[in-house]
Amino acid sequence: MRLLRLAVEIQRWDLAAHTIVLASARVLKNGDRPDGGKSQTKKRRPKG
């Protein structure tokens, strides 16, 4: 959450609060799992 860290560093508490609410809404939308909407992790391909 780079936006939250930036908001706290520059002391923009309104932006920090909105960021927390947005993150909470995304978690609830994805079935109570953080990053639940992401697909499977990508398989690593050998180089060469």
PDB file of N, CA and C in Angstrom:
ATOM      1  N   MET A   1       0.826  -1.167   0.000  1.00  0.00           N
ATOM      2  CA  MET A   1       0.000   0.000   0.000  1.00  0.00           C
ATOM      3  C   MET A   1       0.885   1.250   0.000  1.00  0.00           C
ATOM      4  N   ARG A   2       1.423   1.528  -1.143  1.00  0.00           N
ATOM      5  CA  ARG A   2       2.306   2.693  -1.261  1.00  0.00           C
ATOM      6  C   ARG A   2       1.564   3.992  -1.018  1.00  0.00           C
ATOM      7  N   LEU A   3       0.305   4.051  -1.443  1.00  0.00           N
ATOM      8  CA  LEU A   3      -0.469   5.274  -1.271  1.00  0.00           C
ATOM      9  C   LEU A   3      -0.687   5.579   0.207  1.00  0.00           C
ATOM     10  N   LEU A   4      -0.961   4.554   0.994  1.00  0.00           N
ATOM     11  CA  LEU A   4      -1.164   4.757   2.430  1.00  0.00           C
ATOM     12  C   LEU A   4       0.121   5.248   3.086  1.00  0.00           C
ATOM     13  N   ARG A   5       1.243   4.660   2.740  1.00  0.00           N
ATOM     14  CA  ARG A   5       2.521   5.076   3.311  1.00  0.00           C
ATOM     15  C   ARG A   5       2.824   6.532   2.950  1.00  0.00           C
ATOM     16  N   LEU A   6       2.566   6.896   1.696  1.00  0.00           N
ATOM     17  CA  LEU A   6       2.799   8.265   1.258  1.00  0.00           C
ATOM     18  C   LEU A   6       1.885   9.240   1.993  1.00  0.00           C
ATOM     19  N   ALA A   7       0.622   8.871   2.155  1.00  0.00           N
ATOM     20  CA  ALA A   7      -0.326   9.744   2.844  1.00  0.00           C
ATOM     21  C   ALA A   7       0.086   9.980   4.295  1.00  0.00           C
ATOM     22  N   VAL A   8       0.577   8.954   4.952  1.00  0.00           N
ATOM     23  CA  VAL A   8       1.010   9.101   6.344  1.00  0.00           C
ATOM     24  C   VAL A   8       2.278   9.951   6.420  1.00  0.00           C
ATOM     25  N   GLU A   9       3.196   9.753   5.479  1.00  0.00           N
ATOM     26  CA  GLU A   9       4.441  10.511   5.502  1.00  0.00           C
ATOM     27  C   GLU A   9       4.196  12.009   5.339  1.00  0.00           C
ATOM     28  N   ILE A  10       3.240  12.372   4.477  1.00  0.00           N
ATOM     29  CA  ILE A  10       2.969  13.799   4.278  1.00  0.00           C
ATOM     30  C   ILE A  10       1.809  14.275   5.144  1.00  0.00           C
ATOM     31  N   GLN A  11       1.369  13.413   6.055  1.00  0.00           N
ATOM     32  CA  GLN A  11       0.332  13.715   7.039  1.00  0.00           C
ATOM     33  C   GLN A  11      -0.970  14.176   6.408  1.00  0.00           C
ATOM     34  N   ARG A  12      -1.392  13.460   5.373  1.00  0.00           N
ATOM     35  CA  ARG A  12      -2.700  13.696   4.760  1.00  0.00           C
ATOM     36  C   ARG A  12      -3.650  12.646   5.315  1.00  0.00           C
ATOM     37  N   TRP A  13      -4.231  12.944   6.467  1.00  0.00           N
ATOM     38  CA  TRP A  13      -5.029  11.955   7.174  1.00  0.00           C
ATOM     39  C   TRP A  13      -6.317  11.639   6.428  1.00  0.00           C
ATOM     40  N   ASP A  14      -6.860  12.602   5.684  1.00  0.00           N
ATOM     41  CA  ASP A  14      -8.061  12.320   4.916  1.00  0.00           C
ATOM     42  C   ASP A  14      -7.769  11.307   3.814  1.00  0.00           C
ATOM     43  N   LEU A  15      -6.630  11.462   3.149  1.00  0.00           N
ATOM     44  CA  LEU A  15      -6.243  10.520   2.103  1.00  0.00           C
ATOM     45  C   LEU A  15      -5.933   9.143   2.691  1.00  0.00           C
ATOM     46  N   ALA A  16      -5.300   9.127   3.861  1.00  0.00           N
ATOM     47  CA  ALA A  16      -5.006   7.850   4.522  1.00  0.00           C
ATOM     48  C   ALA A  16      -6.297   7.116   4.881  1.00  0.00           C
ATOM     49  N   ALA A  17      -7.267   7.854   5.400  1.00  0.00           N
ATOM     50  CA  ALA A  17      -8.546   7.237   5.776  1.00  0.00           C
ATOM     51  C   ALA A  17      -9.270   6.685   4.545  1.00  0.00           C
ATOM     52  N   HIS A  18      -9.286   7.441   3.460  1.00  0.00           N
ATOM     53  CA  HIS A  18      -9.929   6.960   2.241  1.00  0.00           C
ATOM     54  C   HIS A  18      -9.229   5.725   1.686  1.00  0.00           C
ATOM     55  N   THR A  19      -7.920   5.690   1.795  1.00  0.00           N
ATOM     56  CA  THR A  19      -7.163   4.534   1.313  1.00  0.00           C
ATOM     57  C   THR A  19      -7.507   3.289   2.116  1.00  0.00           C
ATOM     58  N   ILE A  20      -7.630   3.441   3.428  1.00  0.00           N
ATOM     59  CA  ILE A  20      -7.981   2.304   4.287  1.00  0.00           C
ATOM     60  C   ILE A  20      -9.379   1.804   3.961  1.00  0.00           C
ATOM     61  N   VAL A  21     -10.325   2.719   3.758  1.00  0.00           N
ATOM     62  CA  VAL A  21     -11.698   2.326   3.418  1.00  0.00           C
ATOM     63  C   VAL A  21     -11.725   1.606   2.075  1.00  0.00           C
ATOM     64  N   LEU A  22     -10.996   2.137   1.096  1.00  0.00           N
ATOM     65  CA  LEU A  22     -10.958   1.503  -0.217  1.00  0.00           C
ATOM     66  C   LEU A  22     -10.364   0.093  -0.132  1.00  0.00           C
ATOM     67  N   ALA A  23      -9.277  -0.059   0.617  1.00  0.00           N
ATOM     68  CA  ALA A  23      -8.657  -1.377   0.760  1.00  0.00           C
ATOM     69  C   ALA A  23      -9.606  -2.351   1.454  1.00  0.00           C
ATOM     70  N   SER A  24     -10.314  -1.876   2.473  1.00  0.00           N
ATOM     71  CA  SER A  24     -11.272  -2.740   3.175  1.00  0.00           C
ATOM     72  C   SER A  24     -12.405  -3.170   2.254  1.00  0.00           C
ATOM     73  N   ALA A  25     -12.890  -2.246   1.441  1.00  0.00           N
ATOM     74  CA  ALA A  25     -13.975  -2.581   0.513  1.00  0.00           C
ATOM     75  C   ALA A  25     -13.515  -3.614  -0.509  1.00  0.00           C
ATOM     76  N   ARG A  26     -12.270  -3.470  -0.982  1.00  0.00           N
ATOM     77  CA  ARG A  26     -11.757  -4.438  -1.959  1.00  0.00           C
ATOM     78  C   ARG A  26     -11.623  -5.826  -1.337  1.00  0.00           C
ATOM     79  N   VAL A  27     -11.193  -5.880  -0.085  1.00  0.00           N
ATOM     80  CA  VAL A  27     -11.056  -7.176   0.588  1.00  0.00           C
ATOM     81  C   VAL A  27     -12.421  -7.824   0.759  1.00  0.00           C
ATOM     82  N   LEU A  28     -13.415  -7.050   1.179  1.00  0.00           N
ATOM     83  CA  LEU A  28     -14.750  -7.611   1.361  1.00  0.00           C
ATOM     84  C   LEU A  28     -15.361  -8.049   0.037  1.00  0.00           C
ATOM     85  N   LYS A  29     -15.118  -7.302  -1.021  1.00  0.00           N
ATOM     86  CA  LYS A  29     -15.651  -7.655  -2.336  1.00  0.00           C
ATOM     87  C   LYS A  29     -15.054  -8.961  -2.840  1.00  0.00           C
ATOM     88  N   ASN A  30     -13.794  -9.210  -2.511  1.00  0.00           N
ATOM     89  CA  ASN A  30     -13.102 -10.402  -2.990  1.00  0.00           C
ATOM     90  C   ASN A  30     -13.308 -11.611  -2.080  1.00  0.00           C
ATOM     91  N   GLY A  31     -14.334 -11.602  -1.285  1.00  0.00           N
ATOM     92  CA  GLY A  31     -14.648 -12.765  -0.470  1.00  0.00           C
ATOM     93  C   GLY A  31     -13.816 -12.856   0.788  1.00  0.00           C
ATOM     94  N   ASP A  32     -13.576 -11.741   1.430  1.00  0.00           N
ATOM     95  CA  ASP A  32     -12.829 -11.689   2.686  1.00  0.00           C
ATOM     96  C   ASP A  32     -11.418 -12.234   2.565  1.00  0.00           C
ATOM     97  N   ARG A  33     -10.848 -12.164   1.369  1.00  0.00           N
ATOM     98  CA  ARG A  33      -9.468 -12.606   1.167  1.00  0.00           C
ATOM     99  C   ARG A  33      -8.689 -11.468   0.522  1.00  0.00           C
ATOM    100  N   PRO A  34      -7.603 -11.030   1.138  1.00  0.00           N
ATOM    101  CA  PRO A  34      -6.801 -10.008   0.469  1.00  0.00           C
ATOM    102  C   PRO A  34      -6.300 -10.516  -0.870  1.00  0.00           C
ATOM    103  N   ASP A  35      -6.443  -9.741  -1.909  1.00  0.00           N
ATOM    104  CA  ASP A  35      -6.028 -10.093  -3.253  1.00  0.00           C
ATOM    105  C   ASP A  35      -6.718 -11.357  -3.746  1.00  0.00           C
ATOM    106  N   GLY A  36      -7.947 -11.562  -3.322  1.00  0.00           N
ATOM    107  CA  GLY A  36      -8.679 -12.745  -3.721  1.00  0.00           C
ATOM    108  C   GLY A  36      -9.056 -12.748  -5.185  1.00  0.00           C
ATOM    109  N   GLY A  37      -9.078 -11.577  -5.813  1.00  0.00           N
ATOM    110  CA  GLY A  37      -9.444 -11.480  -7.210  1.00  0.00           C
ATOM    111  C   GLY A  37      -8.320 -11.837  -8.157  1.00  0.00           C
ATOM    112  N   LYS A  38      -7.116 -11.947  -7.631  1.00  0.00           N
ATOM    113  CA  LYS A  38      -5.987 -12.258  -8.495  1.00  0.00           C
ATOM    114  C   LYS A  38      -6.048 -13.714  -8.922  1.00  0.00           C
ATOM    115  N   SER A  39      -5.601 -13.967 -10.122  1.00  0.00           N
ATOM    116  CA  SER A  39      -5.590 -15.337 -10.614  1.00  0.00           C
ATOM    117  C   SER A  39      -4.382 -16.073 -10.036  1.00  0.00           C
ATOM    118  N   GLN A  40      -4.172 -17.249 -10.528  1.00  0.00           N
ATOM    119  CA  GLN A  40      -3.057 -18.050 -10.034  1.00  0.00           C
ATOM    120  C   GLN A  40      -1.743 -17.324 -10.277  1.00  0.00           C
ATOM    121  N   THR A  41      -0.770 -17.678  -9.462  1.00  0.00           N
ATOM    122  CA  THR A  41       0.534 -17.067  -9.662  1.00  0.00           C
ATOM    123  C   THR A  41       1.112 -17.552 -10.982  1.00  0.00           C
ATOM    124  N   LYS A  42       1.861 -16.685 -11.613  1.00  0.00           N
ATOM    125  CA  LYS A  42       2.445 -17.030 -12.905  1.00  0.00           C
ATOM    126  C   LYS A  42       3.553 -18.045 -12.703  1.00  0.00           C
ATOM    127  N   LYS A  43       3.602 -18.996 -13.627  1.00  0.00           N
ATOM    128  CA  LYS A  43       4.659 -19.985 -13.566  1.00  0.00           C
ATOM    129  C   LYS A  43       5.929 -19.399 -14.143  1.00  0.00           C
ATOM    130  N   ARG A  44       7.024 -19.707 -13.526  1.00  0.00           N
ATOM    131  CA  ARG A  44       8.293 -19.194 -14.017  1.00  0.00           C
ATOM    132  C   ARG A  44       8.752 -20.015 -15.213  1.00  0.00           C
ATOM    133  N   ARG A  45       9.191 -19.319 -16.205  1.00  0.00           N
ATOM    134  CA  ARG A  45       9.693 -19.989 -17.403  1.00  0.00           C
ATOM    135  C   ARG A  45      11.204 -19.958 -17.396  1.00  0.00           C
ATOM    136  N   PRO A  46      11.826 -21.046 -17.794  1.00  0.00           N
ATOM    137  CA  PRO A  46      13.285 -21.028 -17.855  1.00  0.00           C
ATOM    138  C   PRO A  46      13.775 -20.081 -18.962  1.00  0.00           C
ATOM    139  N   LYS A  47      14.808 -19.366 -18.665  1.00  0.00           N
ATOM    140  CA  LYS A  47      15.351 -18.441 -19.669  1.00  0.00           C
ATOM    141  C   LYS A  47      16.244 -19.195 -20.624  1.00  0.00           C
ATOM    142  N   GLY A  48      16.191 -18.766 -21.884  1.00  0.00           N
ATOM    143  CA  GLY A  48      17.106 -19.354 -22.860  1.00  0.00           C
ATOM    144  C   GLY A  48      16.478 -20.183 -23.859  1.00  0.00           C
TER     145      GLY A  48
END
